[in-house]
PDB file of N, CA and C in Angstrom:
ATOM      1  N   UNK A   1      -2.012 -29.576 -20.112  1.00  0.00           N
ATOM      2  CA  UNK A   1      -1.469 -27.956 -20.113  1.00  0.00           C
ATOM      3  C   UNK A   1      -0.265 -27.584 -20.751  1.00  0.00           C
ATOM      4  N   UNK A   2      -0.433 -26.476 -21.577  1.00  0.00           N
ATOM      5  CA  UNK A   2       0.909 -25.900 -22.206  1.00  0.00           C
ATOM      6  C   UNK A   2       1.795 -25.316 -21.059  1.00  0.00           C
ATOM      7  N   UNK A   3       2.976 -25.043 -21.308  1.00  0.00           N
ATOM      8  CA  UNK A   3       3.459 -24.240 -20.415  1.00  0.00           C
ATOM      9  C   UNK A   3       3.060 -22.786 -20.198  1.00  0.00           C
ATOM     10  N   UNK A   4       2.414 -22.223 -21.289  1.00  0.00           N
ATOM     11  CA  UNK A   4       1.887 -20.948 -21.074  1.00  0.00           C
ATOM     12  C   UNK A   4       0.752 -20.982 -20.284  1.00  0.00           C
ATOM     13  N   UNK A   5      -0.283 -22.254 -20.470  1.00  0.00           N
ATOM     14  CA  UNK A   5      -1.353 -22.419 -19.494  1.00  0.00           C
ATOM     15  C   UNK A   5      -0.871 -22.796 -17.987  1.00  0.00           C
ATOM     16  N   UNK A   6       0.106 -23.278 -17.920  1.00  0.00           N
ATOM     17  CA  UNK A   6       0.721 -23.464 -16.542  1.00  0.00           C
ATOM     18  C   UNK A   6       1.213 -21.966 -15.911  1.00  0.00           C
ATOM     19  N   UNK A   7       1.814 -21.115 -16.821  1.00  0.00           N
ATOM     20  CA  UNK A   7       2.253 -19.869 -16.198  1.00  0.00           C
ATOM     21  C   UNK A   7       1.241 -18.865 -15.733  1.00  0.00           C
ATOM     22  N   UNK A   8      -0.158 -18.900 -16.882  1.00  0.00           N
ATOM     23  CA  UNK A   8      -1.247 -18.445 -16.551  1.00  0.00           C
ATOM     24  C   UNK A   8      -1.976 -18.975 -15.192  1.00  0.00           C
ATOM     25  N   UNK A   9      -2.103 -19.959 -15.050  1.00  0.00           N
ATOM     26  CA  UNK A   9      -2.481 -20.581 -13.716  1.00  0.00           C
ATOM     27  C   UNK A   9      -1.528 -20.286 -12.543  1.00  0.00           C
ATOM     28  N   UNK A  10      -0.584 -20.377 -12.670  1.00  0.00           N
ATOM     29  CA  UNK A  10       0.362 -19.744 -11.540  1.00  0.00           C
ATOM     30  C   UNK A  10      -0.077 -18.467 -11.284  1.00  0.00           C
ATOM     31  N   UNK A  11       0.006 -17.674 -12.046  1.00  0.00           N
ATOM     32  CA  UNK A  11      -0.220 -16.176 -11.844  1.00  0.00           C
ATOM     33  C   UNK A  11      -1.687 -16.000 -11.082  1.00  0.00           C
ATOM     34  N   UNK A  12      -2.471 -16.814 -11.397  1.00  0.00           N
ATOM     35  CA  UNK A  12      -3.910 -16.843 -10.833  1.00  0.00           C
ATOM     36  C   UNK A  12      -3.809 -17.351  -9.327  1.00  0.00           C
ATOM     37  N   UNK A  13      -2.894 -18.329  -9.115  1.00  0.00           N
ATOM     38  CA  UNK A  13      -2.819 -18.828  -7.954  1.00  0.00           C
ATOM     39  C   UNK A  13      -1.974 -17.978  -6.911  1.00  0.00           C
ATOM     40  N   UNK A  14      -1.121 -17.352  -7.444  1.00  0.00           N
ATOM     41  CA  UNK A  14      -0.161 -16.436  -6.580  1.00  0.00           C
ATOM     42  C   UNK A  14      -1.153 -15.534  -6.212  1.00  0.00           C
ATOM     43  N   UNK A  15      -2.232 -14.956  -7.117  1.00  0.00           N
ATOM     44  CA  UNK A  15      -3.076 -13.824  -6.704  1.00  0.00           C
ATOM     45  C   UNK A  15      -3.965 -14.289  -5.470  1.00  0.00           C
ATOM     46  N   UNK A  16      -4.427 -15.494  -5.758  1.00  0.00           N
ATOM     47  CA  UNK A  16      -5.273 -15.883  -4.803  1.00  0.00           C
ATOM     48  C   UNK A  16      -4.393 -16.251  -3.036  1.00  0.00           C
ATOM     49  N   UNK A  17      -3.116 -16.722  -3.529  1.00  0.00           N
ATOM     50  CA  UNK A  17      -2.320 -16.888  -2.413  1.00  0.00           C
ATOM     51  C   UNK A  17      -1.985 -15.707  -1.489  1.00  0.00           C
ATOM     52  N   UNK A  18      -2.144 -14.476  -2.278  1.00  0.00           N
ATOM     53  CA  UNK A  18      -1.669 -13.186  -1.868  1.00  0.00           C
ATOM     54  C   UNK A  18      -2.957 -12.857  -1.107  1.00  0.00           C
ATOM     55  N   UNK A  19      -3.935 -13.090  -1.578  1.00  0.00           N
ATOM     56  CA  UNK A  19      -5.371 -12.833  -1.044  1.00  0.00           C
ATOM     57  C   UNK A  19      -5.428 -13.457   0.238  1.00  0.00           C
ATOM     58  N   UNK A  20      -5.322 -14.721   0.459  1.00  0.00           N
ATOM     59  CA  UNK A  20      -5.404 -15.623   1.628  1.00  0.00           C
ATOM     60  C   UNK A  20      -4.157 -15.178   2.738  1.00  0.00           C
ATOM     61  N   UNK A  21      -3.275 -14.900   2.155  1.00  0.00           N
ATOM     62  CA  UNK A  21      -2.155 -14.219   3.159  1.00  0.00           C
ATOM     63  C   UNK A  21      -2.888 -13.104   3.951  1.00  0.00           C
ATOM     64  N   UNK A  22      -3.406 -11.993   3.266  1.00  0.00           N
ATOM     65  CA  UNK A  22      -3.944 -10.847   3.798  1.00  0.00           C
ATOM     66  C   UNK A  22      -5.117 -11.419   4.619  1.00  0.00           C
ATOM     67  N   UNK A  23      -5.725 -12.456   4.292  1.00  0.00           N
ATOM     68  CA  UNK A  23      -6.734 -12.836   5.339  1.00  0.00           C
ATOM     69  C   UNK A  23      -6.247 -13.355   6.751  1.00  0.00           C
ATOM     70  N   UNK A  24      -5.263 -14.194   6.500  1.00  0.00           N
ATOM     71  CA  UNK A  24      -4.365 -14.738   7.658  1.00  0.00           C
ATOM     72  C   UNK A  24      -3.848 -13.567   8.492  1.00  0.00           C
ATOM     73  N   UNK A  25      -3.288 -12.658   7.707  1.00  0.00           N
ATOM     74  CA  UNK A  25      -2.774 -11.326   8.397  1.00  0.00           C
ATOM     75  C   UNK A  25      -3.636 -10.681   9.144  1.00  0.00           C
ATOM     76  N   UNK A  26      -4.892 -10.433   8.703  1.00  0.00           N
ATOM     77  CA  UNK A  26      -5.870  -9.746   9.467  1.00  0.00           C
ATOM     78  C   UNK A  26      -6.348 -10.550  10.704  1.00  0.00           C
ATOM     79  N   UNK A  27      -6.526 -11.825  10.465  1.00  0.00           N
ATOM     80  CA  UNK A  27      -6.927 -12.601  11.394  1.00  0.00           C
ATOM     81  C   UNK A  27      -5.859 -12.819  12.705  1.00  0.00           C
ATOM     82  N   UNK A  28      -4.407 -12.803  12.288  1.00  0.00           N
ATOM     83  CA  UNK A  28      -3.557 -12.811  13.344  1.00  0.00           C
ATOM     84  C   UNK A  28      -3.544 -11.398  14.143  1.00  0.00           C
ATOM     85  N   UNK A  29      -3.830 -10.309  13.499  1.00  0.00           N
ATOM     86  CA  UNK A  29      -4.007  -9.065  14.126  1.00  0.00           C
ATOM     87  C   UNK A  29      -5.150  -8.705  14.766  1.00  0.00           C
ATOM     88  N   UNK A  30      -6.168  -9.508  14.703  1.00  0.00           N
ATOM     89  CA  UNK A  30      -7.437  -9.055  15.228  1.00  0.00           C
ATOM     90  C   UNK A  30      -8.241 -10.229  15.998  1.00  0.00           C
ATOM     91  N   UNK A  31      -7.883 -11.513  15.817  1.00  0.00           N
ATOM     92  CA  UNK A  31      -8.447 -12.657  16.641  1.00  0.00           C
ATOM     93  C   UNK A  31      -7.556 -12.712  17.700  1.00  0.00           C
ATOM     94  N   UNK A  32      -8.455 -13.324  18.810  1.00  0.00           N
ATOM     95  CA  UNK A  32      -7.750 -13.763  20.057  1.00  0.00           C
ATOM     96  C   UNK A  32      -8.212 -15.079  20.076  1.00  0.00           C
ATOM     97  N   UNK A  33      -7.268 -15.970  20.738  1.00  0.00           N
ATOM     98  CA  UNK A  33      -7.580 -17.306  20.818  1.00  0.00           C
ATOM     99  C   UNK A  33      -8.513 -17.784  22.011  1.00  0.00           C
ATOM    100  N   UNK A  34      -9.924 -17.694  21.629  1.00  0.00           N
ATOM    101  CA  UNK A  34     -10.860 -18.026  22.807  1.00  0.00           C
ATOM    102  C   UNK A  34     -10.541 -19.511  23.396  1.00  0.00           C
ATOM    103  N   UNK A  35     -10.143 -20.254  22.741  1.00  0.00           N
ATOM    104  CA  UNK A  35     -10.277 -21.866  23.157  1.00  0.00           C
ATOM    105  C   UNK A  35      -9.066 -21.617  24.104  1.00  0.00           C
ATOM    106  N   UNK A  36      -8.051 -21.140  24.284  1.00  0.00           N
ATOM    107  CA  UNK A  36      -7.150 -21.006  25.358  1.00  0.00           C
ATOM    108  C   UNK A  36      -7.271 -20.036  26.241  1.00  0.00           C
ATOM    109  N   UNK A  37      -8.206 -18.963  26.098  1.00  0.00           N
ATOM    110  CA  UNK A  37      -8.723 -17.747  26.842  1.00  0.00           C
ATOM    111  C   UNK A  37      -7.308 -17.215  26.901  1.00  0.00           C
ATOM    112  N   UNK A  38      -6.396 -16.915  26.014  1.00  0.00           N
ATOM    113  CA  UNK A  38      -5.213 -16.245  26.002  1.00  0.00           C
ATOM    114  C   UNK A  38      -5.325 -14.940  25.350  1.00  0.00           C
ATOM    115  N   UNK A  39      -4.554 -14.128  25.466  1.00  0.00           N
ATOM    116  CA  UNK A  39      -4.435 -12.736  24.780  1.00  0.00           C
ATOM    117  C   UNK A  39      -3.590 -12.820  23.479  1.00  0.00           C
ATOM    118  N   UNK A  40      -3.223 -14.174  23.082  1.00  0.00           N
ATOM    119  CA  UNK A  40      -2.568 -14.123  21.893  1.00  0.00           C
ATOM    120  C   UNK A  40      -3.322 -14.308  20.749  1.00  0.00           C
ATOM    121  N   UNK A  41      -3.141 -13.497  19.500  1.00  0.00           N
ATOM    122  CA  UNK A  41      -3.742 -13.630  18.271  1.00  0.00           C
ATOM    123  C   UNK A  41      -3.303 -15.161  17.823  1.00  0.00           C
ATOM    124  N   UNK A  42      -4.453 -15.325  16.686  1.00  0.00           N
ATOM    125  CA  UNK A  42      -4.389 -16.811  16.309  1.00  0.00           C
ATOM    126  C   UNK A  42      -4.868 -16.723  14.706  1.00  0.00           C
ATOM    127  N   UNK A  43      -4.445 -17.555  13.980  1.00  0.00           N
ATOM    128  CA  UNK A  43      -5.080 -17.728  12.623  1.00  0.00           C
ATOM    129  C   UNK A  43      -5.618 -18.988  12.507  1.00  0.00           C
ATOM    130  N   UNK A  44      -6.814 -18.941  11.858  1.00  0.00           N
ATOM    131  CA  UNK A  44      -7.452 -20.365  11.907  1.00  0.00           C
ATOM    132  C   UNK A  44      -6.643 -21.655  10.930  1.00  0.00           C
ATOM    133  N   UNK A  45      -6.754 -22.643  11.436  1.00  0.00           N
ATOM    134  CA  UNK A  45      -6.004 -23.825  10.902  1.00  0.00           C
ATOM    135  C   UNK A  45      -6.494 -23.976   9.347  1.00  0.00           C
ATOM    136  N   UNK A  46      -7.849 -23.562   9.213  1.00  0.00           N
ATOM    137  CA  UNK A  46      -8.296 -24.018   7.779  1.00  0.00           C
ATOM    138  C   UNK A  46      -7.684 -23.070   6.853  1.00  0.00           C
ATOM    139  N   UNK A  47      -7.661 -21.549   7.371  1.00  0.00           N
ATOM    140  CA  UNK A  47      -6.895 -20.424   6.631  1.00  0.00           C
ATOM    141  C   UNK A  47      -5.591 -20.865   6.384  1.00  0.00           C
ATOM    142  N   UNK A  48      -4.786 -21.267   7.205  1.00  0.00           N
ATOM    143  CA  UNK A  48      -3.368 -21.531   7.059  1.00  0.00           C
ATOM    144  C   UNK A  48      -3.369 -22.683   5.975  1.00  0.00           C
ATOM    145  N   UNK A  49      -4.178 -23.746   5.974  1.00  0.00           N
ATOM    146  CA  UNK A  49      -4.262 -25.182   5.246  1.00  0.00           C
ATOM    147  C   UNK A  49      -4.375 -24.568   3.655  1.00  0.00           C
ATOM    148  N   UNK A  50      -5.376 -23.630   3.610  1.00  0.00           N
ATOM    149  CA  UNK A  50      -5.717 -23.010   2.295  1.00  0.00           C
ATOM    150  C   UNK A  50      -4.575 -22.544   1.590  1.00  0.00           C
ATOM    151  N   UNK A  51      -4.110 -21.442   2.609  1.00  0.00           N
ATOM    152  CA  UNK A  51      -2.906 -20.757   2.075  1.00  0.00           C
ATOM    153  C   UNK A  51      -1.680 -21.670   1.615  1.00  0.00           C
ATOM    154  N   UNK A  52      -1.517 -22.688   2.262  1.00  0.00           N
ATOM    155  CA  UNK A  52      -0.168 -23.291   2.105  1.00  0.00           C
ATOM    156  C   UNK A  52      -0.523 -24.257   0.831  1.00  0.00           C
ATOM    157  N   UNK A  53      -1.772 -24.575   0.987  1.00  0.00           N
ATOM    158  CA  UNK A  53      -2.145 -25.812  -0.411  1.00  0.00           C
ATOM    159  C   UNK A  53      -2.082 -24.864  -1.840  1.00  0.00           C
ATOM    160  N   UNK A  54      -2.610 -23.591  -1.691  1.00  0.00           N
ATOM    161  CA  UNK A  54      -2.725 -22.877  -2.864  1.00  0.00           C
ATOM    162  C   UNK A  54      -1.122 -22.340  -3.218  1.00  0.00           C
ATOM    163  N   UNK A  55      -0.120 -22.123  -2.207  1.00  0.00           N
ATOM    164  CA  UNK A  55       1.052 -21.760  -2.434  1.00  0.00           C
ATOM    165  C   UNK A  55       1.720 -22.730  -3.211  1.00  0.00           C
ATOM    166  N   UNK A  56       1.684 -24.082  -2.503  1.00  0.00           N
ATOM    167  CA  UNK A  56       2.053 -25.310  -3.315  1.00  0.00           C
ATOM    168  C   UNK A  56       1.835 -25.593  -4.573  1.00  0.00           C
ATOM    169  N   UNK A  57       0.429 -25.074  -4.863  1.00  0.00           N
ATOM    170  CA  UNK A  57      -0.153 -25.463  -6.276  1.00  0.00           C
ATOM    171  C   UNK A  57       0.568 -24.428  -7.214  1.00  0.00           C
ATOM    172  N   UNK A  58       0.696 -23.210  -6.812  1.00  0.00           N
ATOM    173  CA  UNK A  58       1.241 -22.168  -7.425  1.00  0.00           C
ATOM    174  C   UNK A  58       2.760 -22.459  -7.867  1.00  0.00           C
ATOM    175  N   UNK A  59       3.555 -23.014  -6.960  1.00  0.00           N
ATOM    176  CA  UNK A  59       4.745 -23.537  -7.078  1.00  0.00           C
ATOM    177  C   UNK A  59       4.903 -24.600  -8.202  1.00  0.00           C
ATOM    178  N   UNK A  60       3.935 -25.417  -8.208  1.00  0.00           N
ATOM    179  CA  UNK A  60       3.820 -26.655  -9.102  1.00  0.00           C
ATOM    180  C   UNK A  60       3.711 -26.004 -10.665  1.00  0.00           C
ATOM    181  N   UNK A  61       2.567 -25.287 -10.518  1.00  0.00           N
ATOM    182  CA  UNK A  61       2.352 -24.789 -12.045  1.00  0.00           C
ATOM    183  C   UNK A  61       3.393 -23.864 -12.582  1.00  0.00           C
ATOM    184  N   UNK A  62       3.887 -22.875 -11.699  1.00  0.00           N
ATOM    185  CA  UNK A  62       5.283 -22.158 -12.156  1.00  0.00           C
ATOM    186  C   UNK A  62       6.366 -23.047 -12.763  1.00  0.00           C
ATOM    187  N   UNK A  63       6.687 -24.509 -11.837  1.00  0.00           N
ATOM    188  CA  UNK A  63       7.776 -25.106 -12.440  1.00  0.00           C
ATOM    189  C   UNK A  63       7.486 -25.866 -13.502  1.00  0.00           C
ATOM    190  N   UNK A  64       6.043 -26.177 -13.847  1.00  0.00           N
ATOM    191  CA  UNK A  64       5.822 -26.847 -14.888  1.00  0.00           C
ATOM    192  C   UNK A  64       5.898 -25.797 -16.131  1.00  0.00           C
ATOM    193  N   UNK A  65       5.276 -24.728 -16.041  1.00  0.00           N
ATOM    194  CA  UNK A  65       5.616 -23.730 -16.859  1.00  0.00           C
ATOM    195  C   UNK A  65       7.128 -23.438 -17.514  1.00  0.00           C
ATOM    196  N   UNK A  66       7.803 -23.788 -16.857  1.00  0.00           N
ATOM    197  CA  UNK A  66       9.200 -23.886 -17.270  1.00  0.00           C
ATOM    198  C   UNK A  66       9.839 -25.058 -18.297  1.00  0.00           C
ATOM    199  N   UNK A  67       8.745 -25.859 -18.038  1.00  0.00           N
ATOM    200  CA  UNK A  67       9.155 -27.128 -18.845  1.00  0.00           C
ATOM    201  C   UNK A  67       8.828 -26.825 -20.494  1.00  0.00           C
ATOM    202  N   UNK A  68       9.749 -27.193 -21.120  1.00  0.00           N
ATOM    203  CA  UNK A  68       9.478 -27.129 -22.860  1.00  0.00           C
ATOM    204  C   UNK A  68       9.350 -28.387 -23.319  1.00  0.00           C
ATOM    205  N   UNK A  69       8.429 -28.694 -24.414  1.00  0.00           N
ATOM    206  CA  UNK A  69       8.406 -29.858 -25.143  1.00  0.00           C
ATOM    207  C   UNK A  69       9.804 -30.185 -25.489  1.00  0.00           C
ATOM    208  N   UNK A  70      10.023 -31.536 -25.503  1.00  0.00           N
ATOM    209  CA  UNK A  70      11.158 -32.023 -26.141  1.00  0.00           C
ATOM    210  C   UNK A  70      11.235 -31.895 -27.545  1.00  0.00           C
ATOM    211  N   UNK A  71      12.286 -31.502 -27.943  1.00  0.00           N
ATOM    212  CA  UNK A  71      12.316 -31.213 -29.559  1.00  0.00           C
ATOM    213  C   UNK A  71      13.130 -32.376 -30.316  1.00  0.00           C
TER     214      UNK A  71
END
């Protein structure tokens, strides 16, 4: 991928990470942890894993976008 392609992919992934963050935020504000029968909200581990992975991929692409070919 070229630096410009990495930058475009980073932008896409940032948008996806923002969407996943909103999903996690809604989950946290509305879900009750039924497994523990507690009144504490929770976010599914799968949602957090996807948010983490997407954020890390965005960071990698953003970093690679900064690389310029050796002249």
